[in-house]
Amino acid sequence: MADERNFRSSYYEKVGCRGVEEKKSLEILMKEKPWDRVKLKQFCLRFMVPAAYRNLVWKVLLVDMLELVDMSAPRTQILLAMWLLENEERKPPLFPETNFNSADTFIPIAKTLVELYDNEVDVYWICKSLTEIVRGMQKDVLKLKEGFQSMLEKEDVELFNHLVEINALDVLPLTKWFNCCFAGVLDDTSLPKIWDKVCSGAPKILSFVAVMLVITLRRSILKAANGDEVLKCVLEIPEQCEEVVANKAIELWQYGAQPQSDQLAKK
């Protein structure tokens, strides 16, 4: 029986039909409940995975097998797990003083991208690239914060002084805003305009966005008596204000920055 099976496999291979038998074998494995990941792994080692099943097989082997996330998890969690397999586990944490957590960057950005694009491959690669930009930006987070303060004082000294007087400058979630590139803070219509600049090598624009966000909410912030009230103001952004923030931030950036050489760290 074994000789017959080997002869048949050899014959299929010679006439170019081996893939048919492999596809049937894989389909049999995938009918098992639960899936036997050991057998799936052995199949992948011995044969070429049929293209129609490759996406699913990879997800089973790369995600579920390592127990990073199960297949019933939100798509953004699965995409994060894929990125962690590719990057995070091979690299030590960078700049712990900024409290950088890749999930805090990747997940909000992915949630925005899945609303913008249907193709998960596009979502993954764009999200991966933006997360890498943020990782590389950690050494300059302090410069972004300093840029925010000096710019706010220049653009709205009354608002700046009020925040200083009630000790609320340090309450503003600047690091969180910068590390997620304002994903989850501004809406899907406003964010792409900002990310155009970030993707083009100008992360400094994030300081401008923070300034215009605070200035746009100045009426509520000026009424705040302490840091907690200020924080509540900036966490409750009216929808009609979000596109205004993005547009005004870009205008301010174009006026006050040099787009061709907008680098945070000077070489």
C-alpha atoms as a PDB file:
ATOM      1  CA  MET A   1       0.000   0.000   0.000  1.00  0.00           C
ATOM      2  CA  ALA A   2       2.868   2.324   0.886  1.00  0.00           C
ATOM      3  CA  ASP A   3       4.606   1.523  -2.413  1.00  0.00           C
ATOM      4  CA  GLU A   4       1.394   2.265  -4.310  1.00  0.00           C
ATOM      5  CA  ARG A   5       1.023   5.614  -2.542  1.00  0.00           C
ATOM      6  CA  ASN A   6       4.664   6.526  -3.226  1.00  0.00           C
ATOM      7  CA  PHE A   7       4.273   5.526  -6.880  1.00  0.00           C
ATOM      8  CA  ARG A   8       1.127   7.660  -7.173  1.00  0.00           C
ATOM      9  CA  SER A   9       2.822  10.679  -5.581  1.00  0.00           C
ATOM     10  CA  SER A  10       5.819  10.281  -7.895  1.00  0.00           C
ATOM     11  CA  TYR A  11       3.521  10.025 -10.899  1.00  0.00           C
ATOM     12  CA  TYR A  12       1.520  13.130  -9.881  1.00  0.00           C
ATOM     13  CA  GLU A  13       4.741  15.066  -9.467  1.00  0.00           C
ATOM     14  CA  LYS A  14       6.007  14.082 -12.924  1.00  0.00           C
ATOM     15  CA  VAL A  15       2.788  15.136 -14.662  1.00  0.00           C
ATOM     16  CA  GLY A  16       2.444  18.347 -12.645  1.00  0.00           C
ATOM     17  CA  CYS A  17      -0.514  17.226 -10.548  1.00  0.00           C
ATOM     18  CA  ARG A  18       1.189  16.842  -7.198  1.00  0.00           C
ATOM     19  CA  GLY A  19      -0.492  19.972  -5.898  1.00  0.00           C
ATOM     20  CA  VAL A  20      -3.896  18.341  -6.287  1.00  0.00           C
ATOM     21  CA  GLU A  21      -3.044  15.552  -3.868  1.00  0.00           C
ATOM     22  CA  GLU A  22      -1.386  17.964  -1.423  1.00  0.00           C
ATOM     23  CA  LYS A  23      -4.465  20.168  -1.456  1.00  0.00           C
ATOM     24  CA  LYS A  24      -6.666  17.177  -0.637  1.00  0.00           C
ATOM     25  CA  SER A  25      -4.335  16.141   2.188  1.00  0.00           C
ATOM     26  CA  LEU A  26      -4.422  19.641   3.675  1.00  0.00           C
ATOM     27  CA  GLU A  27      -8.206  19.794   3.425  1.00  0.00           C
ATOM     28  CA  ILE A  28      -8.410  16.527   5.375  1.00  0.00           C
ATOM     29  CA  LEU A  29      -6.162  17.987   8.105  1.00  0.00           C
ATOM     30  CA  MET A  30      -8.251  21.142   8.295  1.00  0.00           C
ATOM     31  CA  LYS A  31     -11.453  19.159   8.764  1.00  0.00           C
ATOM     32  CA  GLU A  32     -10.139  17.886  12.088  1.00  0.00           C
ATOM     33  CA  LYS A  33     -11.601  19.619  15.134  1.00  0.00           C
ATOM     34  CA  PRO A  34      -9.612  20.991  16.821  1.00  0.00           C
ATOM     35  CA  TRP A  35      -6.832  21.502  14.284  1.00  0.00           C
ATOM     36  CA  ASP A  36      -3.715  19.459  14.888  1.00  0.00           C
ATOM     37  CA  ARG A  37      -1.052  22.141  14.607  1.00  0.00           C
ATOM     38  CA  VAL A  38       1.765  19.600  14.791  1.00  0.00           C
ATOM     39  CA  LYS A  39       0.453  17.886  11.658  1.00  0.00           C
ATOM     40  CA  LEU A  40      -0.039  21.270   9.959  1.00  0.00           C
ATOM     41  CA  LYS A  41       3.543  22.188  10.752  1.00  0.00           C
ATOM     42  CA  GLN A  42       4.796  18.869   9.378  1.00  0.00           C
ATOM     43  CA  PHE A  43       2.728  19.394   6.232  1.00  0.00           C
ATOM     44  CA  CYS A  44       4.292  22.838   5.705  1.00  0.00           C
ATOM     45  CA  LEU A  45       7.772  21.401   6.175  1.00  0.00           C
ATOM     46  CA  ARG A  46       7.208  18.645   3.618  1.00  0.00           C
ATOM     47  CA  PHE A  47       4.996  20.301   1.019  1.00  0.00           C
ATOM     48  CA  MET A  48       4.168  23.626  -0.566  1.00  0.00           C
ATOM     49  CA  VAL A  49       1.066  25.131   1.006  1.00  0.00           C
ATOM     50  CA  PRO A  50      -1.683  25.762  -1.587  1.00  0.00           C
ATOM     51  CA  ALA A  51      -2.083  29.489  -2.121  1.00  0.00           C
ATOM     52  CA  ALA A  52      -5.795  29.384  -1.331  1.00  0.00           C
ATOM     53  CA  TYR A  53      -5.062  28.146   2.206  1.00  0.00           C
ATOM     54  CA  ARG A  54      -1.749  29.863   2.910  1.00  0.00           C
ATOM     55  CA  ASN A  55      -3.183  32.895   4.710  1.00  0.00           C
ATOM     56  CA  LEU A  56      -5.196  30.743   7.111  1.00  0.00           C
ATOM     57  CA  VAL A  57      -2.407  28.202   7.702  1.00  0.00           C
ATOM     58  CA  TRP A  58       0.099  30.947   8.500  1.00  0.00           C
ATOM     59  CA  LYS A  59      -2.278  32.542  10.987  1.00  0.00           C
ATOM     60  CA  VAL A  60      -2.851  29.207  12.705  1.00  0.00           C
ATOM     61  CA  LEU A  61       0.860  28.432  12.953  1.00  0.00           C
ATOM     62  CA  LEU A  62       2.161  31.908  13.759  1.00  0.00           C
ATOM     63  CA  VAL A  63      -0.553  33.202  16.069  1.00  0.00           C
ATOM     64  CA  ASP A  64      -2.541  30.477  17.768  1.00  0.00           C
ATOM     65  CA  MET A  65       0.333  28.025  18.143  1.00  0.00           C
ATOM     66  CA  LEU A  66       2.370  30.513  20.148  1.00  0.00           C
ATOM     67  CA  GLU A  67      -0.700  31.502  22.125  1.00  0.00           C
ATOM     68  CA  LEU A  68      -0.211  35.203  21.538  1.00  0.00           C
ATOM     69  CA  VAL A  69      -3.819  35.591  20.526  1.00  0.00           C
ATOM     70  CA  ASP A  70      -6.649  33.302  19.446  1.00  0.00           C
ATOM     71  CA  MET A  71      -8.341  33.474  16.083  1.00  0.00           C
ATOM     72  CA  SER A  72     -11.525  34.862  17.610  1.00  0.00           C
ATOM     73  CA  ALA A  73      -9.653  37.967  18.769  1.00  0.00           C
ATOM     74  CA  PRO A  74     -10.245  41.344  17.068  1.00  0.00           C
ATOM     75  CA  ARG A  75      -8.383  41.721  13.799  1.00  0.00           C
ATOM     76  CA  THR A  76      -6.205  44.468  15.264  1.00  0.00           C
ATOM     77  CA  GLN A  77      -4.984  42.098  17.989  1.00  0.00           C
ATOM     78  CA  ILE A  78      -4.074  39.459  15.413  1.00  0.00           C
ATOM     79  CA  LEU A  79      -2.176  42.022  13.337  1.00  0.00           C
ATOM     80  CA  LEU A  80      -0.313  43.126  16.472  1.00  0.00           C
ATOM     81  CA  ALA A  81       0.622  39.532  17.251  1.00  0.00           C
ATOM     82  CA  MET A  82       2.060  39.146  13.758  1.00  0.00           C
ATOM     83  CA  TRP A  83       4.142  42.278  14.223  1.00  0.00           C
ATOM     84  CA  LEU A  84       5.350  41.127  17.628  1.00  0.00           C
ATOM     85  CA  LEU A  85       6.529  37.866  16.108  1.00  0.00           C
ATOM     86  CA  GLU A  86       8.438  39.771  13.465  1.00  0.00           C
ATOM     87  CA  ASN A  87       9.927  42.465  15.658  1.00  0.00           C
ATOM     88  CA  GLU A  88       9.244  42.808  19.325  1.00  0.00           C
ATOM     89  CA  GLU A  89      10.564  39.508  20.619  1.00  0.00           C
ATOM     90  CA  ARG A  90      13.914  40.039  18.926  1.00  0.00           C
ATOM     91  CA  LYS A  91      14.499  43.558  20.217  1.00  0.00           C
ATOM     92  CA  PRO A  92      14.978  44.859  23.770  1.00  0.00           C
ATOM     93  CA  PRO A  93      12.630  47.652  24.942  1.00  0.00           C
ATOM     94  CA  LEU A  94      13.663  51.087  23.729  1.00  0.00           C
ATOM     95  CA  PHE A  95      13.594  54.229  25.844  1.00  0.00           C
ATOM     96  CA  PRO A  96      11.693  52.885  28.882  1.00  0.00           C
ATOM     97  CA  GLU A  97      11.636  56.439  30.279  1.00  0.00           C
ATOM     98  CA  THR A  98       8.954  57.345  27.708  1.00  0.00           C
ATOM     99  CA  ASN A  99       6.812  54.357  28.749  1.00  0.00           C
ATOM    100  CA  PHE A 100       6.677  53.260  25.124  1.00  0.00           C
ATOM    101  CA  ASN A 101       4.494  50.210  24.643  1.00  0.00           C
ATOM    102  CA  SER A 102       4.189  48.949  21.093  1.00  0.00           C
ATOM    103  CA  ALA A 103       0.588  47.831  21.661  1.00  0.00           C
ATOM    104  CA  ASP A 104      -0.395  51.387  22.668  1.00  0.00           C
ATOM    105  CA  THR A 105       0.908  52.543  19.304  1.00  0.00           C
ATOM    106  CA  PHE A 106       0.002  49.643  17.029  1.00  0.00           C
ATOM    107  CA  ILE A 107      -3.585  48.987  18.173  1.00  0.00           C
ATOM    108  CA  PRO A 108      -4.990  52.557  17.883  1.00  0.00           C
ATOM    109  CA  ILE A 109      -3.296  53.028  14.516  1.00  0.00           C
ATOM    110  CA  ALA A 110      -4.598  49.658  13.285  1.00  0.00           C
ATOM    111  CA  LYS A 111      -8.141  50.523  14.397  1.00  0.00           C
ATOM    112  CA  THR A 112      -8.000  53.665  12.296  1.00  0.00           C
ATOM    113  CA  LEU A 113      -6.477  51.931   9.281  1.00  0.00           C
ATOM    114  CA  VAL A 114      -9.076  49.143   9.179  1.00  0.00           C
ATOM    115  CA  GLU A 115     -11.671  51.883   8.764  1.00  0.00           C
ATOM    116  CA  LEU A 116      -9.710  53.399   5.891  1.00  0.00           C
ATOM    117  CA  TYR A 117      -8.623  50.284   3.973  1.00  0.00           C
ATOM    118  CA  ASP A 118     -10.252  46.941   3.222  1.00  0.00           C
ATOM    119  CA  ASN A 119      -7.012  45.113   2.460  1.00  0.00           C
ATOM    120  CA  GLU A 120      -5.505  43.685   5.658  1.00  0.00           C
ATOM    121  CA  VAL A 121      -2.102  43.396   4.007  1.00  0.00           C
ATOM    122  CA  ASP A 122      -2.112  47.150   3.400  1.00  0.00           C
ATOM    123  CA  VAL A 123      -3.290  47.755   6.956  1.00  0.00           C
ATOM    124  CA  TYR A 124      -0.526  45.590   8.391  1.00  0.00           C
ATOM    125  CA  TRP A 125       2.335  47.125   6.414  1.00  0.00           C
ATOM    126  CA  ILE A 126       1.244  50.730   6.948  1.00  0.00           C
ATOM    127  CA  CYS A 127       0.639  50.098  10.637  1.00  0.00           C
ATOM    128  CA  LYS A 128       4.000  48.357  10.945  1.00  0.00           C
ATOM    129  CA  SER A 129       5.786  51.294   9.317  1.00  0.00           C
ATOM    130  CA  LEU A 130       4.044  53.919  11.449  1.00  0.00           C
ATOM    131  CA  THR A 131       4.859  51.949  14.599  1.00  0.00           C
ATOM    132  CA  GLU A 132       8.517  51.811  13.570  1.00  0.00           C
ATOM    133  CA  ILE A 133       8.477  55.582  13.044  1.00  0.00           C
ATOM    134  CA  VAL A 134       7.119  56.044  16.567  1.00  0.00           C
ATOM    135  CA  ARG A 135       9.729  53.684  18.015  1.00  0.00           C
ATOM    136  CA  GLY A 136      12.474  55.656  16.350  1.00  0.00           C
ATOM    137  CA  MET A 137      10.897  58.882  17.585  1.00  0.00           C
ATOM    138  CA  GLN A 138      11.215  57.980  21.278  1.00  0.00           C
ATOM    139  CA  LYS A 139      14.560  59.718  21.680  1.00  0.00           C
ATOM    140  CA  ASP A 140      12.882  62.943  20.550  1.00  0.00           C
ATOM    141  CA  VAL A 141       9.698  62.847  22.637  1.00  0.00           C
ATOM    142  CA  LEU A 142      11.180  65.406  25.041  1.00  0.00           C
ATOM    143  CA  LYS A 143      11.873  67.724  22.101  1.00  0.00           C
ATOM    144  CA  LEU A 144       8.281  67.332  20.938  1.00  0.00           C
ATOM    145  CA  LYS A 145       7.051  68.313  24.405  1.00  0.00           C
ATOM    146  CA  GLU A 146       9.393  71.285  24.583  1.00  0.00           C
ATOM    147  CA  GLY A 147       8.280  72.337  21.121  1.00  0.00           C
ATOM    148  CA  PHE A 148       4.661  72.111  22.237  1.00  0.00           C
ATOM    149  CA  GLN A 149       5.202  74.365  25.247  1.00  0.00           C
ATOM    150  CA  SER A 150       7.187  77.048  23.435  1.00  0.00           C
ATOM    151  CA  MET A 151       4.728  77.056  20.532  1.00  0.00           C
ATOM    152  CA  LEU A 152       1.683  77.250  22.807  1.00  0.00           C
ATOM    153  CA  GLU A 153       3.195  80.163  24.722  1.00  0.00           C
ATOM    154  CA  LYS A 154       3.851  81.965  21.440  1.00  0.00           C
ATOM    155  CA  GLU A 155       0.410  81.290  19.937  1.00  0.00           C
ATOM    156  CA  ASP A 156      -1.768  81.776  23.035  1.00  0.00           C
ATOM    157  CA  VAL A 157       0.056  83.209  26.034  1.00  0.00           C
ATOM    158  CA  GLU A 158      -3.146  83.562  28.089  1.00  0.00           C
ATOM    159  CA  LEU A 159      -3.937  79.882  27.742  1.00  0.00           C
ATOM    160  CA  PHE A 160      -0.334  78.892  28.403  1.00  0.00           C
ATOM    161  CA  ASN A 161      -0.161  80.978  31.589  1.00  0.00           C
ATOM    162  CA  HIS A 162      -3.455  79.530  32.818  1.00  0.00           C
ATOM    163  CA  LEU A 163      -2.134  75.979  32.421  1.00  0.00           C
ATOM    164  CA  VAL A 164       1.031  76.959  34.276  1.00  0.00           C
ATOM    165  CA  GLU A 165      -0.905  78.625  37.112  1.00  0.00           C
ATOM    166  CA  ILE A 166      -3.061  75.550  37.783  1.00  0.00           C
ATOM    167  CA  ASN A 167      -0.115  73.151  37.305  1.00  0.00           C
ATOM    168  CA  ALA A 168      -1.839  71.458  34.380  1.00  0.00           C
ATOM    169  CA  LEU A 169       0.853  71.454  31.698  1.00  0.00           C
ATOM    170  CA  ASP A 170       2.218  68.111  32.868  1.00  0.00           C
ATOM    171  CA  VAL A 171      -1.291  66.641  33.015  1.00  0.00           C
ATOM    172  CA  LEU A 172      -1.774  66.858  29.268  1.00  0.00           C
ATOM    173  CA  PRO A 173      -1.345  63.349  27.756  1.00  0.00           C
ATOM    174  CA  LEU A 174       1.297  64.505  25.281  1.00  0.00           C
ATOM    175  CA  THR A 175       3.322  61.284  25.299  1.00  0.00           C
ATOM    176  CA  LYS A 176       0.203  59.224  24.625  1.00  0.00           C
ATOM    177  CA  TRP A 177      -0.846  61.538  21.801  1.00  0.00           C
ATOM    178  CA  PHE A 178       2.578  61.443  20.185  1.00  0.00           C
ATOM    179  CA  ASN A 179       2.996  57.676  20.557  1.00  0.00           C
ATOM    180  CA  CYS A 180      -0.309  56.880  18.852  1.00  0.00           C
ATOM    181  CA  CYS A 181       0.035  59.734  16.320  1.00  0.00           C
ATOM    182  CA  PHE A 182      -3.377  60.938  17.572  1.00  0.00           C
ATOM    183  CA  ALA A 183      -5.111  57.704  16.504  1.00  0.00           C
ATOM    184  CA  GLY A 184      -8.233  57.361  18.628  1.00  0.00           C
ATOM    185  CA  VAL A 185      -7.993  61.066  19.456  1.00  0.00           C
ATOM    186  CA  LEU A 186      -8.905  62.554  16.084  1.00  0.00           C
ATOM    187  CA  ASP A 187     -11.356  60.959  13.651  1.00  0.00           C
ATOM    188  CA  ASP A 188     -10.639  58.907  10.525  1.00  0.00           C
ATOM    189  CA  THR A 189     -11.227  61.914   8.273  1.00  0.00           C
ATOM    190  CA  SER A 190      -8.782  64.187  10.066  1.00  0.00           C
ATOM    191  CA  LEU A 191      -5.951  61.751  10.790  1.00  0.00           C
ATOM    192  CA  PRO A 192      -4.829  60.934   7.220  1.00  0.00           C
ATOM    193  CA  LYS A 193      -3.957  64.594   6.690  1.00  0.00           C
ATOM    194  CA  ILE A 194      -1.621  64.459   9.672  1.00  0.00           C
ATOM    195  CA  TRP A 195      -0.195  61.068   8.751  1.00  0.00           C
ATOM    196  CA  ASP A 196       0.688  62.404   5.287  1.00  0.00           C
ATOM    197  CA  LYS A 197       3.333  64.506   7.028  1.00  0.00           C
ATOM    198  CA  VAL A 198       4.426  61.810   9.494  1.00  0.00           C
ATOM    199  CA  CYS A 199       4.908  59.280   6.685  1.00  0.00           C
ATOM    200  CA  SER A 200       6.900  61.887   4.772  1.00  0.00           C
ATOM    201  CA  GLY A 201       9.441  62.188   7.583  1.00  0.00           C
ATOM    202  CA  ALA A 202       7.983  65.082   9.569  1.00  0.00           C
ATOM    203  CA  PRO A 203       6.923  63.747  13.008  1.00  0.00           C
ATOM    204  CA  LYS A 204       7.401  67.270  14.356  1.00  0.00           C
ATOM    205  CA  ILE A 205       3.906  68.035  13.104  1.00  0.00           C
ATOM    206  CA  LEU A 206       2.565  66.099  16.103  1.00  0.00           C
ATOM    207  CA  SER A 207       3.579  69.018  18.345  1.00  0.00           C
ATOM    208  CA  PHE A 208       1.580  71.365  16.131  1.00  0.00           C
ATOM    209  CA  VAL A 209      -1.456  69.097  16.363  1.00  0.00           C
ATOM    210  CA  ALA A 210      -1.220  69.094  20.169  1.00  0.00           C
ATOM    211  CA  VAL A 211      -0.995  72.888  20.225  1.00  0.00           C
ATOM    212  CA  MET A 212      -4.023  73.359  17.987  1.00  0.00           C
ATOM    213  CA  LEU A 213      -5.996  70.748  19.910  1.00  0.00           C
ATOM    214  CA  VAL A 214      -5.471  72.657  23.163  1.00  0.00           C
ATOM    215  CA  ILE A 215      -6.117  76.045  21.534  1.00  0.00           C
ATOM    216  CA  THR A 216      -9.322  74.791  19.902  1.00  0.00           C
ATOM    217  CA  LEU A 217     -10.558  73.774  23.356  1.00  0.00           C
ATOM    218  CA  ARG A 218      -9.304  76.965  25.031  1.00  0.00           C
ATOM    219  CA  ARG A 219     -12.730  78.179  26.178  1.00  0.00           C
ATOM    220  CA  SER A 220     -13.333  75.029  28.207  1.00  0.00           C
ATOM    221  CA  ILE A 221      -9.740  74.841  29.435  1.00  0.00           C
ATOM    222  CA  LEU A 222      -9.754  78.443  30.676  1.00  0.00           C
ATOM    223  CA  LYS A 223     -12.724  77.531  32.869  1.00  0.00           C
ATOM    224  CA  ALA A 224     -10.862  74.561  34.361  1.00  0.00           C
ATOM    225  CA  ALA A 225      -9.684  75.026  37.938  1.00  0.00           C
ATOM    226  CA  ASN A 226      -7.224  72.129  38.109  1.00  0.00           C
ATOM    227  CA  GLY A 227      -5.403  69.473  36.135  1.00  0.00           C
ATOM    228  CA  ASP A 228      -8.193  66.910  36.369  1.00  0.00           C
ATOM    229  CA  GLU A 229     -10.659  69.296  34.771  1.00  0.00           C
ATOM    230  CA  VAL A 230      -8.184  70.115  32.006  1.00  0.00           C
ATOM    231  CA  LEU A 231      -7.668  66.423  31.333  1.00  0.00           C
ATOM    232  CA  LYS A 232     -11.416  65.930  31.091  1.00  0.00           C
ATOM    233  CA  CYS A 233     -11.603  68.745  28.540  1.00  0.00           C
ATOM    234  CA  VAL A 234      -8.985  67.282  26.209  1.00  0.00           C
ATOM    235  CA  LEU A 235     -10.440  63.784  26.441  1.00  0.00           C
ATOM    236  CA  GLU A 236     -13.873  64.998  25.335  1.00  0.00           C
ATOM    237  CA  ILE A 237     -13.245  66.589  21.942  1.00  0.00           C
ATOM    238  CA  PRO A 238     -16.410  67.666  20.081  1.00  0.00           C
ATOM    239  CA  GLU A 239     -16.608  65.943  16.682  1.00  0.00           C
ATOM    240  CA  GLN A 240     -16.970  69.213  14.825  1.00  0.00           C
ATOM    241  CA  CYS A 241     -13.608  70.352  16.230  1.00  0.00           C
ATOM    242  CA  GLU A 242     -11.482  67.448  15.019  1.00  0.00           C
ATOM    243  CA  GLU A 243     -11.086  68.463  11.384  1.00  0.00           C
ATOM    244  CA  VAL A 244     -10.514  72.044  12.470  1.00  0.00           C
ATOM    245  CA  VAL A 245      -7.636  70.856  14.667  1.00  0.00           C
ATOM    246  CA  ALA A 246      -6.047  68.948  11.782  1.00  0.00           C
ATOM    247  CA  ASN A 247      -6.417  71.761   9.256  1.00  0.00           C
ATOM    248  CA  LYS A 248      -5.172  74.473  11.620  1.00  0.00           C
ATOM    249  CA  ALA A 249      -2.240  72.303  12.730  1.00  0.00           C
ATOM    250  CA  ILE A 250      -1.146  71.828   9.112  1.00  0.00           C
ATOM    251  CA  GLU A 251      -1.465  75.560   8.448  1.00  0.00           C
ATOM    252  CA  LEU A 252       0.608  76.367  11.535  1.00  0.00           C
ATOM    253  CA  TRP A 253       3.200  73.736  10.618  1.00  0.00           C
ATOM    254  CA  GLN A 254       3.514  75.018   7.043  1.00  0.00           C
ATOM    255  CA  TYR A 255       3.940  78.548   8.330  1.00  0.00           C
ATOM    256  CA  GLY A 256       6.287  77.793  11.202  1.00  0.00           C
ATOM    257  CA  ALA A 257       8.282  74.796   9.954  1.00  0.00           C
ATOM    258  CA  GLN A 258      10.442  73.896   6.992  1.00  0.00           C
ATOM    259  CA  PRO A 259       8.754  70.830   5.456  1.00  0.00           C
ATOM    260  CA  GLN A 260      11.788  69.854   3.372  1.00  0.00           C
ATOM    261  CA  SER A 261      14.049  69.509   6.430  1.00  0.00           C
ATOM    262  CA  ASP A 262      11.613  68.918   9.284  1.00  0.00           C
ATOM    263  CA  GLN A 263      13.738  66.598  11.391  1.00  0.00           C
ATOM    264  CA  LEU A 264      13.552  66.453  15.169  1.00  0.00           C
ATOM    265  CA  ALA A 265      17.104  65.301  15.786  1.00  0.00           C
ATOM    266  CA  LYS A 266      19.755  67.453  14.146  1.00  0.00           C
ATOM    267  CA  LYS A 267      22.737  65.523  12.879  1.00  0.00           C
END
